[in-house]
N, C-alpha and C. Protein backbone atom coordinates (compact mmCIF):
# COMPACT_ATOMS: atom_id res chain seq x y z
N MET A 1 51.88 17.46 42.42
CA MET A 1 50.51 17.92 41.91
C MET A 1 50.58 18.89 40.59
N SER A 2 51.20 18.98 39.75
CA SER A 2 50.56 19.62 38.13
C SER A 2 50.67 18.03 37.77
N ASP A 3 51.53 17.44 37.93
CA ASP A 3 50.81 15.83 37.37
C ASP A 3 50.01 15.52 37.40
N LEU A 4 49.28 15.76 38.82
CA LEU A 4 48.08 15.08 38.97
C LEU A 4 46.95 15.96 37.90
N LYS A 5 46.97 17.35 37.82
CA LYS A 5 46.45 17.89 37.12
C LYS A 5 46.28 17.64 35.56
N SER A 6 47.62 17.64 35.10
CA SER A 6 47.47 17.20 33.42
C SER A 6 47.40 15.65 33.58
N ILE A 7 47.10 14.87 34.64
CA ILE A 7 46.85 13.23 34.47
C ILE A 7 45.06 13.40 34.37
N ALA A 8 44.54 14.50 34.93
CA ALA A 8 43.41 14.57 35.01
C ALA A 8 42.70 15.13 33.71
N SER A 9 43.17 16.15 33.31
CA SER A 9 42.67 16.91 32.45
C SER A 9 43.35 15.67 30.92
N SER A 10 45.00 15.18 30.95
CA SER A 10 44.51 14.40 29.70
C SER A 10 42.96 13.06 29.78
N ILE A 11 42.73 13.11 31.42
CA ILE A 11 41.59 11.55 31.46
C ILE A 11 40.23 12.31 31.03
N GLU A 12 40.07 13.76 31.30
CA GLU A 12 38.89 14.28 30.96
C GLU A 12 38.87 14.62 29.53
N ASN A 13 39.82 15.05 28.66
CA ASN A 13 40.20 15.22 27.54
C ASN A 13 39.94 13.45 26.43
N LYS A 14 39.79 12.70 26.93
CA LYS A 14 39.74 11.55 26.40
C LYS A 14 38.34 11.21 26.34
N ILE A 15 37.78 10.93 27.91
CA ILE A 15 35.90 10.84 28.61
C ILE A 15 35.82 11.95 27.13
N GLU A 16 35.78 13.13 26.61
CA GLU A 16 35.24 13.97 26.10
C GLU A 16 35.34 13.25 24.53
N LYS A 17 36.21 12.66 23.99
CA LYS A 17 36.55 12.22 22.81
C LYS A 17 35.59 10.91 22.81
N LEU A 18 35.73 9.93 23.69
CA LEU A 18 34.66 8.89 24.13
C LEU A 18 33.42 9.19 23.59
N VAL A 19 32.63 10.18 24.52
CA VAL A 19 31.00 10.47 24.67
C VAL A 19 31.51 11.40 23.48
N ASP A 20 32.32 11.63 22.00
CA ASP A 20 31.86 12.43 20.98
C ASP A 20 31.27 10.86 19.91
N VAL A 21 32.50 10.28 20.66
CA VAL A 21 32.71 8.97 19.19
C VAL A 21 31.49 8.11 19.95
N HIS A 22 31.50 8.17 20.77
CA HIS A 22 29.81 7.16 20.82
C HIS A 22 28.46 8.23 20.65
N HIS A 23 27.89 9.14 20.47
CA HIS A 23 27.37 9.77 19.73
C HIS A 23 27.58 10.00 18.58
N LYS A 24 28.66 10.23 17.66
CA LYS A 24 28.41 9.92 16.53
C LYS A 24 28.37 8.33 16.10
N THR A 25 28.62 6.99 17.25
CA THR A 25 28.20 5.67 16.39
C THR A 25 26.77 5.53 16.62
N LYS A 26 26.00 6.55 17.51
CA LYS A 26 24.60 5.88 17.75
C LYS A 26 24.08 7.17 17.05
N LYS A 27 24.26 7.85 15.93
CA LYS A 27 23.61 8.26 14.46
C LYS A 27 24.17 7.45 13.89
N GLU A 28 25.42 7.09 14.03
CA GLU A 28 25.70 6.08 12.31
C GLU A 28 24.91 4.53 12.70
N LEU A 29 24.40 3.90 13.89
CA LEU A 29 23.40 3.16 14.20
C LEU A 29 22.23 3.21 13.82
N SER A 30 21.90 4.14 13.99
CA SER A 30 20.19 4.79 13.78
C SER A 30 19.72 4.87 12.16
N SER A 31 21.12 5.88 11.61
CA SER A 31 21.16 6.04 9.96
C SER A 31 20.81 4.46 9.54
N LEU A 32 22.11 3.29 10.17
CA LEU A 32 21.73 2.48 9.70
C LEU A 32 20.58 1.22 9.14
N LYS A 33 20.41 1.75 10.57
CA LYS A 33 18.71 1.07 11.05
C LYS A 33 17.58 1.47 9.97
N THR A 34 17.81 2.65 9.93
CA THR A 34 16.84 3.47 8.33
C THR A 34 16.84 2.92 7.60
N GLU A 35 17.93 3.08 6.92
CA GLU A 35 18.40 2.09 5.46
C GLU A 35 18.30 0.84 5.52
N ASN A 36 18.37 -0.16 7.05
CA ASN A 36 17.79 -1.32 6.72
C ASN A 36 16.33 -1.70 6.60
N THR A 37 15.51 -0.66 7.00
CA THR A 37 14.25 -1.00 7.47
C THR A 37 13.85 -0.16 5.31
N HIS A 38 14.27 0.37 5.06
CA HIS A 38 13.70 0.97 3.85
C HIS A 38 14.73 0.40 2.24
N LEU A 39 15.18 -0.63 2.89
CA LEU A 39 16.02 -1.79 2.02
C LEU A 39 14.91 -2.99 1.84
N THR A 40 14.35 -3.41 3.67
CA THR A 40 13.87 -4.19 3.50
C THR A 40 12.46 -4.33 2.64
N GLN A 41 12.11 -2.93 2.86
CA GLN A 41 10.51 -2.46 2.32
C GLN A 41 10.73 -3.15 0.60
N THR A 42 11.75 -2.23 -0.22
CA THR A 42 12.58 -2.28 -1.71
C THR A 42 12.22 -4.17 -1.62
N ILE A 43 12.98 -4.58 -1.01
CA ILE A 43 13.27 -6.54 -1.35
C ILE A 43 11.27 -6.80 -0.86
N ASP A 44 10.46 -6.19 -0.07
CA ASP A 44 9.41 -7.33 -0.28
C ASP A 44 9.09 -6.90 -1.72
N GLN A 45 9.10 -5.39 -1.53
CA GLN A 45 7.94 -4.66 -2.73
C GLN A 45 8.76 -5.43 -4.15
N GLN A 46 9.66 -5.82 -4.50
CA GLN A 46 9.80 -6.32 -6.08
C GLN A 46 9.85 -7.94 -5.84
N LYS A 47 9.74 -8.51 -4.67
CA LYS A 47 9.22 -10.11 -4.23
C LYS A 47 7.73 -9.99 -4.72
N LYS A 48 7.64 -8.63 -4.25
CA LYS A 48 5.88 -8.95 -4.80
C LYS A 48 5.33 -8.19 -6.49
N ALA A 49 6.62 -8.13 -6.92
CA ALA A 49 6.29 -7.74 -8.43
C ALA A 49 7.07 -8.41 -9.06
N ILE A 50 7.95 -9.20 -8.46
CA ILE A 50 8.13 -10.58 -9.41
C ILE A 50 7.18 -11.76 -9.12
N LYS A 51 6.54 -11.67 -7.76
CA LYS A 51 5.03 -12.86 -7.98
C LYS A 51 4.35 -12.70 -9.07
N ASP A 52 4.25 -11.62 -9.13
CA ASP A 52 2.90 -10.36 -9.90
C ASP A 52 3.50 -10.99 -11.45
N LEU A 53 4.10 -10.45 -11.92
CA LEU A 53 5.27 -10.77 -13.23
C LEU A 53 5.52 -12.77 -12.98
N GLU A 54 5.39 -12.86 -12.56
CA GLU A 54 5.39 -14.61 -13.07
C GLU A 54 3.85 -15.30 -13.19
N GLU A 55 3.00 -15.15 -11.75
CA GLU A 55 1.66 -14.77 -12.60
C GLU A 55 1.05 -14.71 -14.05
N LYS A 56 1.08 -13.31 -14.57
CA LYS A 56 1.50 -13.09 -15.92
C LYS A 56 2.09 -14.03 -16.65
N SER A 57 3.18 -14.22 -16.79
CA SER A 57 3.51 -15.05 -17.68
C SER A 57 3.34 -16.20 -17.62
N LYS A 58 2.42 -16.85 -16.56
CA LYS A 58 1.41 -18.29 -16.77
C LYS A 58 0.76 -17.97 -17.34
N ILE A 59 0.15 -17.16 -17.12
CA ILE A 59 -1.34 -17.10 -17.99
C ILE A 59 -1.33 -16.78 -19.11
N LEU A 60 0.01 -16.09 -19.57
CA LEU A 60 0.25 -15.52 -21.12
C LEU A 60 0.35 -16.78 -21.69
N ARG A 61 1.64 -17.77 -20.87
CA ARG A 61 1.87 -18.88 -20.95
C ARG A 61 0.50 -19.74 -21.59
N LEU A 62 -0.22 -19.76 -20.95
CA LEU A 62 -1.44 -20.86 -20.76
C LEU A 62 -2.67 -20.07 -21.61
N SER A 63 -2.22 -19.11 -22.22
CA SER A 63 -3.23 -18.26 -23.37
C SER A 63 -2.70 -18.32 -24.23
N LYS A 64 -1.20 -18.53 -24.65
CA LYS A 64 -0.99 -19.41 -26.03
C LYS A 64 -1.21 -20.49 -25.71
N SER A 65 -1.24 -21.32 -25.34
CA SER A 65 -0.75 -22.85 -25.60
C SER A 65 -2.63 -22.90 -26.11
N LEU A 66 -3.66 -22.14 -25.09
CA LEU A 66 -5.34 -22.09 -25.28
C LEU A 66 -5.68 -22.11 -26.99
N SER A 67 -5.00 -20.36 -27.32
CA SER A 67 -4.84 -20.18 -28.66
C SER A 67 -4.28 -21.04 -29.80
N THR A 68 -3.52 -21.67 -29.47
CA THR A 68 -3.23 -22.55 -30.62
C THR A 68 -3.86 -24.11 -30.39
N THR A 69 -4.84 -24.17 -29.26
CA THR A 69 -5.51 -25.63 -29.51
C THR A 69 -6.82 -25.23 -30.42
N ASN A 70 -7.53 -25.88 -30.87
CA ASN A 70 -9.21 -25.90 -31.17
C ASN A 70 -9.93 -26.15 -30.64
N GLU A 71 -10.09 -25.85 -29.00
CA GLU A 71 -10.95 -26.21 -27.69
C GLU A 71 -12.00 -25.02 -28.72
N ASN A 72 -13.28 -25.05 -27.85
CA ASN A 72 -14.30 -24.58 -28.33
C ASN A 72 -14.28 -23.16 -27.23
N THR A 73 -15.16 -22.35 -27.65
CA THR A 73 -15.71 -21.32 -26.92
C THR A 73 -16.01 -21.57 -25.70
N THR A 74 -16.57 -22.55 -25.01
CA THR A 74 -16.89 -22.81 -23.85
C THR A 74 -16.00 -23.23 -22.94
N GLU A 75 -15.24 -24.04 -23.12
CA GLU A 75 -14.20 -24.61 -22.64
C GLU A 75 -13.18 -23.20 -22.19
N LEU A 76 -12.74 -22.60 -23.03
CA LEU A 76 -12.11 -21.41 -23.12
C LEU A 76 -12.70 -20.21 -22.42
N LYS A 77 -13.57 -20.22 -21.82
CA LYS A 77 -13.86 -19.17 -21.43
C LYS A 77 -14.24 -20.07 -19.59
N LEU A 78 -14.31 -20.76 -19.22
CA LEU A 78 -13.98 -21.99 -18.40
C LEU A 78 -12.90 -21.59 -17.41
N LYS A 79 -11.77 -21.89 -18.69
CA LYS A 79 -10.81 -21.64 -18.11
C LYS A 79 -10.13 -20.39 -17.57
N ILE A 80 -10.76 -19.46 -18.72
CA ILE A 80 -10.11 -18.14 -18.17
C ILE A 80 -11.03 -17.88 -17.31
N ASN A 81 -12.25 -18.33 -16.43
CA ASN A 81 -12.69 -17.82 -15.81
C ASN A 81 -11.45 -18.60 -14.63
N GLU A 82 -11.49 -19.55 -14.70
CA GLU A 82 -10.78 -19.98 -13.42
C GLU A 82 -8.97 -19.83 -13.10
N LEU A 83 -8.50 -18.46 -13.70
CA LEU A 83 -7.50 -18.55 -13.96
C LEU A 83 -7.66 -17.13 -13.25
N ILE A 84 -8.73 -16.36 -13.63
CA ILE A 84 -8.98 -15.41 -12.48
C ILE A 84 -9.66 -15.86 -11.43
N ARG A 85 -9.89 -16.33 -10.99
CA ARG A 85 -10.78 -17.15 -9.33
C ARG A 85 -9.29 -16.99 -8.79
N GLU A 86 -7.90 -17.35 -9.45
CA GLU A 86 -6.91 -18.18 -8.95
C GLU A 86 -6.17 -16.82 -8.97
N VAL A 87 -6.03 -15.74 -9.73
CA VAL A 87 -5.44 -14.81 -9.71
C VAL A 87 -6.20 -13.68 -8.05
N ASP A 88 -7.78 -13.50 -8.64
CA ASP A 88 -8.27 -12.76 -7.07
C ASP A 88 -7.48 -13.65 -5.72
N LYS A 89 -7.50 -14.78 -5.72
CA LYS A 89 -6.87 -15.61 -4.53
C LYS A 89 -5.75 -15.52 -4.39
N CYS A 90 -5.06 -15.32 -4.88
CA CYS A 90 -3.37 -14.69 -4.94
C CYS A 90 -3.48 -12.72 -4.97
N ILE A 91 -4.42 -12.56 -5.30
CA ILE A 91 -4.27 -10.61 -4.46
C ILE A 91 -4.80 -11.22 -3.26
N SER A 92 -5.59 -11.63 -2.84
CA SER A 92 -6.55 -11.54 -1.43
C SER A 92 -5.19 -12.15 -0.95
N LEU A 93 -4.54 -13.08 -0.92
CA LEU A 93 -3.28 -13.41 -0.09
C LEU A 93 -2.77 -12.21 0.08
N LEU A 94 -2.26 -12.50 -1.00
CA LEU A 94 -1.10 -10.73 -0.77
C LEU A 94 -1.43 -9.25 -0.09
N ASN A 95 -2.91 -8.98 0.29
CA ASN A 95 -3.59 -7.87 0.47
C ASN A 95 -3.53 -8.50 2.43
N LYS A 96 -3.35 -9.70 2.60
CA LYS A 96 -3.48 -10.23 3.93
C LYS A 96 -2.72 -9.44 5.01
């Protein structure tokens, strides 16, 4: 009879340990999901920043190439306006 009690007590202790491990694992999973969400947001922000910098780089390269040539002022203004429209389109796409 005492053997059954000790076996039951042992099983009860093991169940309590398993329940405790289960709760800790659930908390860790929740924490990891939160961290994953934050990292995903950071990646998205960095991708956006990269695209913005690439656009600025493109505009700078183009403006440097335009400044080295002897084009007249109206053509230069037209090209700048075209670039501004292109940047506005990119911004509107990013806002969607």
